[in-house]
Amino acid sequence: MQQPTAILDAKGLACPMPIVKTKKQMNELLPGDVLEVQATDKGSTADLAAWSKSAGHEFLGTKVEGQVLHHLIRKGGAKQEEQSMISEMSLNMFQQKVKEDQSLFILDVREPDEYEAGHIPGAVHIPLGEVEQRAEELNRETLIYLICHSGRRSELAAQKLKEKGFHQLINVVPGMNSWTGEIEK
């Protein structure tokens, strides 16, 4: 793997903090510099790969040493991170909608272990890292509510789906970390 210009310690942090810290650190680097992000959150691989692409950086890969994931990201050129343009809905409003309408299409983009620990009944599960490859499993004509742990991964998933021609997308924020409704395991 490539030698990093800088190293960021994000061990012990859960989504969205590895991305928040990575974004801040990337602002300090020059185009072409390589940042190594050391993390322990299993979801950080898909999160950082998707964020890197959306922000115009190059995700070089991940090396695993014990419980620590070493992610390498090369800073891109002058391209600015695109504005989302994805509709958002507060978790409170979404919880009310779920109570009123059982036919909502909910896409949970968390990692498998997060989903198995508890999810909204009837939610379809496609982890963020698989959204691009599995987009054809979804109906472009259906209104899709995307949810993750905090709202960051679901935003990245919505951006990927938008690039694939989906336009009826709503990102639920903050996400399952604040969900108080019914869950299935």
C-alpha atoms as a PDB file:
ATOM      1  CA  MET A   1       0.000   0.000   0.000  1.00  0.00           C
ATOM      2  CA  GLN A   2       1.008   3.588  -0.556  1.00  0.00           C
ATOM      3  CA  GLN A   3       2.874   5.593   2.091  1.00  0.00           C
ATOM      4  CA  PRO A   4       0.509   8.118   3.737  1.00  0.00           C
ATOM      5  CA  THR A   5       1.195  11.841   3.962  1.00  0.00           C
ATOM      6  CA  ALA A   6      -0.839  12.046   7.190  1.00  0.00           C
ATOM      7  CA  ILE A   7      -2.459   9.621   9.639  1.00  0.00           C
ATOM      8  CA  LEU A   8      -5.839  10.186  11.303  1.00  0.00           C
ATOM      9  CA  ASP A   9      -6.779   8.211  14.421  1.00  0.00           C
ATOM     10  CA  ALA A  10     -10.526   7.491  14.286  1.00  0.00           C
ATOM     11  CA  LYS A  11     -10.363   4.302  16.370  1.00  0.00           C
ATOM     12  CA  GLY A  12     -13.337   3.810  18.681  1.00  0.00           C
ATOM     13  CA  LEU A  13     -15.535   6.263  16.761  1.00  0.00           C
ATOM     14  CA  ALA A  14     -18.884   5.270  15.208  1.00  0.00           C
ATOM     15  CA  CYS A  15     -20.635   6.688  12.155  1.00  0.00           C
ATOM     16  CA  PRO A  16     -20.623   9.532  11.232  1.00  0.00           C
ATOM     17  CA  MET A  17     -17.527  10.614  13.199  1.00  0.00           C
ATOM     18  CA  PRO A  18     -14.852   8.872  11.053  1.00  0.00           C
ATOM     19  CA  ILE A  19     -16.180  10.760   8.010  1.00  0.00           C
ATOM     20  CA  VAL A  20     -16.500  14.052   9.911  1.00  0.00           C
ATOM     21  CA  LYS A  21     -12.887  13.812  11.115  1.00  0.00           C
ATOM     22  CA  THR A  22     -11.651  12.641   7.686  1.00  0.00           C
ATOM     23  CA  LYS A  23     -13.356  15.561   5.938  1.00  0.00           C
ATOM     24  CA  LYS A  24     -11.734  18.021   8.339  1.00  0.00           C
ATOM     25  CA  GLN A  25      -8.292  16.414   7.929  1.00  0.00           C
ATOM     26  CA  MET A  26      -8.598  16.383   4.104  1.00  0.00           C
ATOM     27  CA  ASN A  27      -9.030  20.161   4.161  1.00  0.00           C
ATOM     28  CA  GLU A  28      -5.478  20.379   5.574  1.00  0.00           C
ATOM     29  CA  LEU A  29      -3.936  18.302   2.759  1.00  0.00           C
ATOM     30  CA  LEU A  30      -2.823  19.174  -0.755  1.00  0.00           C
ATOM     31  CA  PRO A  31      -4.177  17.477  -3.906  1.00  0.00           C
ATOM     32  CA  GLY A  32      -2.374  14.150  -4.363  1.00  0.00           C
ATOM     33  CA  ASP A  33      -1.589  13.737  -0.641  1.00  0.00           C
ATOM     34  CA  VAL A  34      -2.614  10.427   0.913  1.00  0.00           C
ATOM     35  CA  LEU A  35      -4.444  10.202   4.235  1.00  0.00           C
ATOM     36  CA  GLU A  36      -4.462   7.022   6.309  1.00  0.00           C
ATOM     37  CA  VAL A  37      -7.582   6.762   8.441  1.00  0.00           C
ATOM     38  CA  GLN A  38      -7.254   4.245  11.269  1.00  0.00           C
ATOM     39  CA  ALA A  39     -10.700   3.061  12.370  1.00  0.00           C
ATOM     40  CA  THR A  40     -12.361   0.230  14.262  1.00  0.00           C
ATOM     41  CA  ASP A  41     -15.944   0.774  12.975  1.00  0.00           C
ATOM     42  CA  LYS A  42     -16.682  -2.061  10.488  1.00  0.00           C
ATOM     43  CA  GLY A  43     -18.950   0.239   8.496  1.00  0.00           C
ATOM     44  CA  SER A  44     -16.145   2.748   7.943  1.00  0.00           C
ATOM     45  CA  THR A  45     -14.871   0.925   4.840  1.00  0.00           C
ATOM     46  CA  ALA A  46     -18.079   1.429   2.853  1.00  0.00           C
ATOM     47  CA  ASP A  47     -18.656   4.867   4.412  1.00  0.00           C
ATOM     48  CA  LEU A  48     -15.217   6.241   3.524  1.00  0.00           C
ATOM     49  CA  ALA A  49     -15.202   4.675   0.047  1.00  0.00           C
ATOM     50  CA  ALA A  50     -18.572   6.273  -0.785  1.00  0.00           C
ATOM     51  CA  TRP A  51     -17.657   9.613   0.789  1.00  0.00           C
ATOM     52  CA  SER A  52     -14.321   9.704  -1.062  1.00  0.00           C
ATOM     53  CA  LYS A  53     -16.048   9.209  -4.405  1.00  0.00           C
ATOM     54  CA  SER A  54     -18.722  11.824  -3.701  1.00  0.00           C
ATOM     55  CA  ALA A  55     -16.083  14.335  -2.543  1.00  0.00           C
ATOM     56  CA  GLY A  56     -13.804  13.834  -5.564  1.00  0.00           C
ATOM     57  CA  HIS A  57     -11.104  11.866  -3.739  1.00  0.00           C
ATOM     58  CA  GLU A  58      -9.688   8.423  -4.552  1.00  0.00           C
ATOM     59  CA  PHE A  59     -10.254   5.593  -2.074  1.00  0.00           C
ATOM     60  CA  LEU A  60      -7.112   3.475  -2.416  1.00  0.00           C
ATOM     61  CA  GLY A  61      -8.193   0.574  -0.218  1.00  0.00           C
ATOM     62  CA  THR A  62      -8.122  -0.873   3.267  1.00  0.00           C
ATOM     63  CA  LYS A  63      -5.603  -3.011   5.111  1.00  0.00           C
ATOM     64  CA  VAL A  64      -6.786  -4.871   8.222  1.00  0.00           C
ATOM     65  CA  GLU A  65      -4.464  -5.377  11.185  1.00  0.00           C
ATOM     66  CA  GLY A  66      -6.269  -7.102  14.052  1.00  0.00           C
ATOM     67  CA  GLN A  67      -9.281  -4.938  14.950  1.00  0.00           C
ATOM     68  CA  VAL A  68      -7.898  -1.829  13.193  1.00  0.00           C
ATOM     69  CA  LEU A  69      -8.836  -0.886   9.628  1.00  0.00           C
ATOM     70  CA  HIS A  70      -6.238   1.223   7.801  1.00  0.00           C
ATOM     71  CA  HIS A  71      -8.027   3.141   5.010  1.00  0.00           C
ATOM     72  CA  LEU A  72      -6.012   5.072   2.432  1.00  0.00           C
ATOM     73  CA  ILE A  73      -7.542   8.038   0.595  1.00  0.00           C
ATOM     74  CA  ARG A  74      -5.765  10.233  -1.992  1.00  0.00           C
ATOM     75  CA  LYS A  75      -6.977  13.820  -2.006  1.00  0.00           C
ATOM     76  CA  GLY A  76      -8.487  14.848  -5.318  1.00  0.00           C
ATOM     77  CA  GLY A  77      -7.899  18.050  -7.249  1.00  0.00           C
ATOM     78  CA  ALA A  78      -9.833  21.274  -6.959  1.00  0.00           C
ATOM     79  CA  LYS A  79     -13.244  19.568  -7.359  1.00  0.00           C
ATOM     80  CA  GLN A  80     -15.552  20.658  -4.578  1.00  0.00           C
ATOM     81  CA  GLU A  81     -17.872  18.257  -2.779  1.00  0.00           C
ATOM     82  CA  GLU A  82     -21.239  18.343  -4.527  1.00  0.00           C
ATOM     83  CA  GLN A  83     -24.255  19.611  -2.652  1.00  0.00           C
ATOM     84  CA  SER A  84     -26.626  16.797  -1.852  1.00  0.00           C
ATOM     85  CA  MET A  85     -29.943  17.996  -3.309  1.00  0.00           C
ATOM     86  CA  ILE A  86     -31.493  14.954  -1.617  1.00  0.00           C
ATOM     87  CA  SER A  87     -34.723  15.624   0.279  1.00  0.00           C
ATOM     88  CA  GLU A  88     -34.554  15.074   4.022  1.00  0.00           C
ATOM     89  CA  MET A  89     -37.187  14.218   6.598  1.00  0.00           C
ATOM     90  CA  SER A  90     -36.797  14.473  10.350  1.00  0.00           C
ATOM     91  CA  LEU A  91     -36.917  11.227  12.265  1.00  0.00           C
ATOM     92  CA  ASN A  92     -39.908  12.505  14.260  1.00  0.00           C
ATOM     93  CA  MET A  93     -41.934  13.140  11.088  1.00  0.00           C
ATOM     94  CA  PHE A  94     -40.823   9.804   9.656  1.00  0.00           C
ATOM     95  CA  GLN A  95     -41.845   7.887  12.798  1.00  0.00           C
ATOM     96  CA  GLN A  96     -45.308   9.449  12.538  1.00  0.00           C
ATOM     97  CA  LYS A  97     -45.512   8.442   8.855  1.00  0.00           C
ATOM     98  CA  VAL A  98     -44.531   4.861   9.716  1.00  0.00           C
ATOM     99  CA  LYS A  99     -47.304   4.708  12.339  1.00  0.00           C
ATOM    100  CA  GLU A 100     -49.867   5.965   9.796  1.00  0.00           C
ATOM    101  CA  ASP A 101     -48.777   4.086   6.650  1.00  0.00           C
ATOM    102  CA  GLN A 102     -47.464   0.521   6.690  1.00  0.00           C
ATOM    103  CA  SER A 103     -46.858   0.529   2.923  1.00  0.00           C
ATOM    104  CA  LEU A 104     -43.809   2.839   3.001  1.00  0.00           C
ATOM    105  CA  PHE A 105     -40.714   1.565   1.182  1.00  0.00           C
ATOM    106  CA  ILE A 106     -37.862   1.853   3.677  1.00  0.00           C
ATOM    107  CA  LEU A 107     -34.273   1.105   2.627  1.00  0.00           C
ATOM    108  CA  ASP A 108     -31.883   0.434   5.532  1.00  0.00           C
ATOM    109  CA  VAL A 109     -28.258   0.879   4.367  1.00  0.00           C
ATOM    110  CA  ARG A 110     -26.493  -0.049   7.614  1.00  0.00           C
ATOM    111  CA  GLU A 111     -24.031  -2.920   7.924  1.00  0.00           C
ATOM    112  CA  PRO A 112     -25.518  -6.431   8.378  1.00  0.00           C
ATOM    113  CA  ASP A 113     -24.733  -6.654  12.110  1.00  0.00           C
ATOM    114  CA  GLU A 114     -26.394  -3.258  12.733  1.00  0.00           C
ATOM    115  CA  TYR A 115     -29.487  -4.310  10.772  1.00  0.00           C
ATOM    116  CA  GLU A 116     -29.719  -7.654  12.573  1.00  0.00           C
ATOM    117  CA  ALA A 117     -29.447  -5.926  15.970  1.00  0.00           C
ATOM    118  CA  GLY A 118     -32.745  -4.152  15.225  1.00  0.00           C
ATOM    119  CA  HIS A 119     -34.505  -2.605  12.232  1.00  0.00           C
ATOM    120  CA  ILE A 120     -37.833  -1.070  11.299  1.00  0.00           C
ATOM    121  CA  PRO A 121     -40.353  -3.835  10.495  1.00  0.00           C
ATOM    122  CA  GLY A 122     -40.540  -4.391   6.738  1.00  0.00           C
ATOM    123  CA  ALA A 123     -37.394  -2.398   5.933  1.00  0.00           C
ATOM    124  CA  VAL A 124     -35.397  -3.672   2.961  1.00  0.00           C
ATOM    125  CA  HIS A 125     -31.702  -4.127   3.742  1.00  0.00           C
ATOM    126  CA  ILE A 126     -28.967  -3.227   1.268  1.00  0.00           C
ATOM    127  CA  PRO A 127     -25.689  -2.141   2.931  1.00  0.00           C
ATOM    128  CA  LEU A 128     -24.184   1.099   1.575  1.00  0.00           C
ATOM    129  CA  GLY A 129     -21.293  -0.798  -0.024  1.00  0.00           C
ATOM    130  CA  GLU A 130     -23.758  -2.824  -2.156  1.00  0.00           C
ATOM    131  CA  VAL A 131     -26.196  -0.072  -3.184  1.00  0.00           C
ATOM    132  CA  GLU A 132     -24.636   0.630  -6.598  1.00  0.00           C
ATOM    133  CA  GLN A 133     -24.475  -3.038  -7.602  1.00  0.00           C
ATOM    134  CA  ARG A 134     -27.967  -3.848  -6.300  1.00  0.00           C
ATOM    135  CA  ALA A 135     -29.808  -0.704  -7.461  1.00  0.00           C
ATOM    136  CA  GLU A 136     -31.692  -2.718 -10.085  1.00  0.00           C
ATOM    137  CA  GLU A 137     -33.478  -4.569  -7.255  1.00  0.00           C
ATOM    138  CA  LEU A 138     -35.294  -1.305  -6.492  1.00  0.00           C
ATOM    139  CA  ASN A 139     -38.184   0.357  -8.344  1.00  0.00           C
ATOM    140  CA  ARG A 140     -37.369   3.815  -9.741  1.00  0.00           C
ATOM    141  CA  GLU A 141     -41.064   4.758  -9.532  1.00  0.00           C
ATOM    142  CA  THR A 142     -41.343   4.080  -5.781  1.00  0.00           C
ATOM    143  CA  LEU A 143     -40.787   6.724  -3.114  1.00  0.00           C
ATOM    144  CA  ILE A 144     -37.818   5.396  -1.115  1.00  0.00           C
ATOM    145  CA  TYR A 145     -37.099   6.425   2.486  1.00  0.00           C
ATOM    146  CA  LEU A 146     -33.426   5.779   3.250  1.00  0.00           C
ATOM    147  CA  ILE A 147     -32.189   5.255   6.797  1.00  0.00           C
ATOM    148  CA  CYS A 148     -28.890   4.363   8.479  1.00  0.00           C
ATOM    149  CA  HIS A 149     -27.440   4.939  11.942  1.00  0.00           C
ATOM    150  CA  SER A 150     -27.108   8.741  11.791  1.00  0.00           C
ATOM    151  CA  GLY A 151     -28.170   9.928   8.328  1.00  0.00           C
ATOM    152  CA  ARG A 152     -24.758  10.186   6.657  1.00  0.00           C
ATOM    153  CA  ARG A 153     -24.576   6.750   5.008  1.00  0.00           C
ATOM    154  CA  SER A 154     -28.198   7.030   3.867  1.00  0.00           C
ATOM    155  CA  GLU A 155     -27.349  10.386   2.252  1.00  0.00           C
ATOM    156  CA  LEU A 156     -24.420   8.774   0.402  1.00  0.00           C
ATOM    157  CA  ALA A 157     -26.681   5.885  -0.676  1.00  0.00           C
ATOM    158  CA  ALA A 158     -29.294   8.357  -1.929  1.00  0.00           C
ATOM    159  CA  GLN A 159     -26.636  10.155  -3.975  1.00  0.00           C
ATOM    160  CA  LYS A 160     -25.585   6.843  -5.557  1.00  0.00           C
ATOM    161  CA  LEU A 161     -29.204   6.013  -6.382  1.00  0.00           C
ATOM    162  CA  LYS A 162     -29.760   9.488  -7.822  1.00  0.00           C
ATOM    163  CA  GLU A 163     -26.785   8.900 -10.152  1.00  0.00           C
ATOM    164  CA  LYS A 164     -28.527   5.673 -11.252  1.00  0.00           C
ATOM    165  CA  GLY A 165     -31.729   7.513 -12.208  1.00  0.00           C
ATOM    166  CA  PHE A 166     -33.746   7.382  -8.981  1.00  0.00           C
ATOM    167  CA  HIS A 167     -35.508  10.654  -8.139  1.00  0.00           C
ATOM    168  CA  GLN A 168     -38.017   9.851  -5.372  1.00  0.00           C
ATOM    169  CA  LEU A 169     -35.588   9.663  -2.466  1.00  0.00           C
ATOM    170  CA  ILE A 170     -35.926  10.929   1.089  1.00  0.00           C
ATOM    171  CA  ASN A 171     -33.067  10.719   3.590  1.00  0.00           C
ATOM    172  CA  VAL A 172     -34.252  10.211   7.187  1.00  0.00           C
ATOM    173  CA  VAL A 173     -32.158  12.126   9.740  1.00  0.00           C
ATOM    174  CA  PRO A 174     -30.768  11.488  12.244  1.00  0.00           C
ATOM    175  CA  GLY A 175     -31.507   7.747  11.804  1.00  0.00           C
ATOM    176  CA  MET A 176     -31.734   4.561  13.813  1.00  0.00           C
ATOM    177  CA  ASN A 177     -29.530   5.906  16.612  1.00  0.00           C
ATOM    178  CA  SER A 178     -32.578   7.945  17.734  1.00  0.00           C
ATOM    179  CA  TRP A 179     -35.378   5.577  16.637  1.00  0.00           C
ATOM    180  CA  THR A 180     -37.957   4.971  19.373  1.00  0.00           C
ATOM    181  CA  GLY A 181     -40.512   3.030  17.349  1.00  0.00           C
ATOM    182  CA  GLU A 182     -41.046  -0.706  16.947  1.00  0.00           C
ATOM    183  CA  ILE A 183     -38.095  -2.818  15.780  1.00  0.00           C
ATOM    184  CA  GLU A 184     -37.604  -6.341  14.459  1.00  0.00           C
ATOM    185  CA  LYS A 185     -34.567  -8.498  15.109  1.00  0.00           C
END
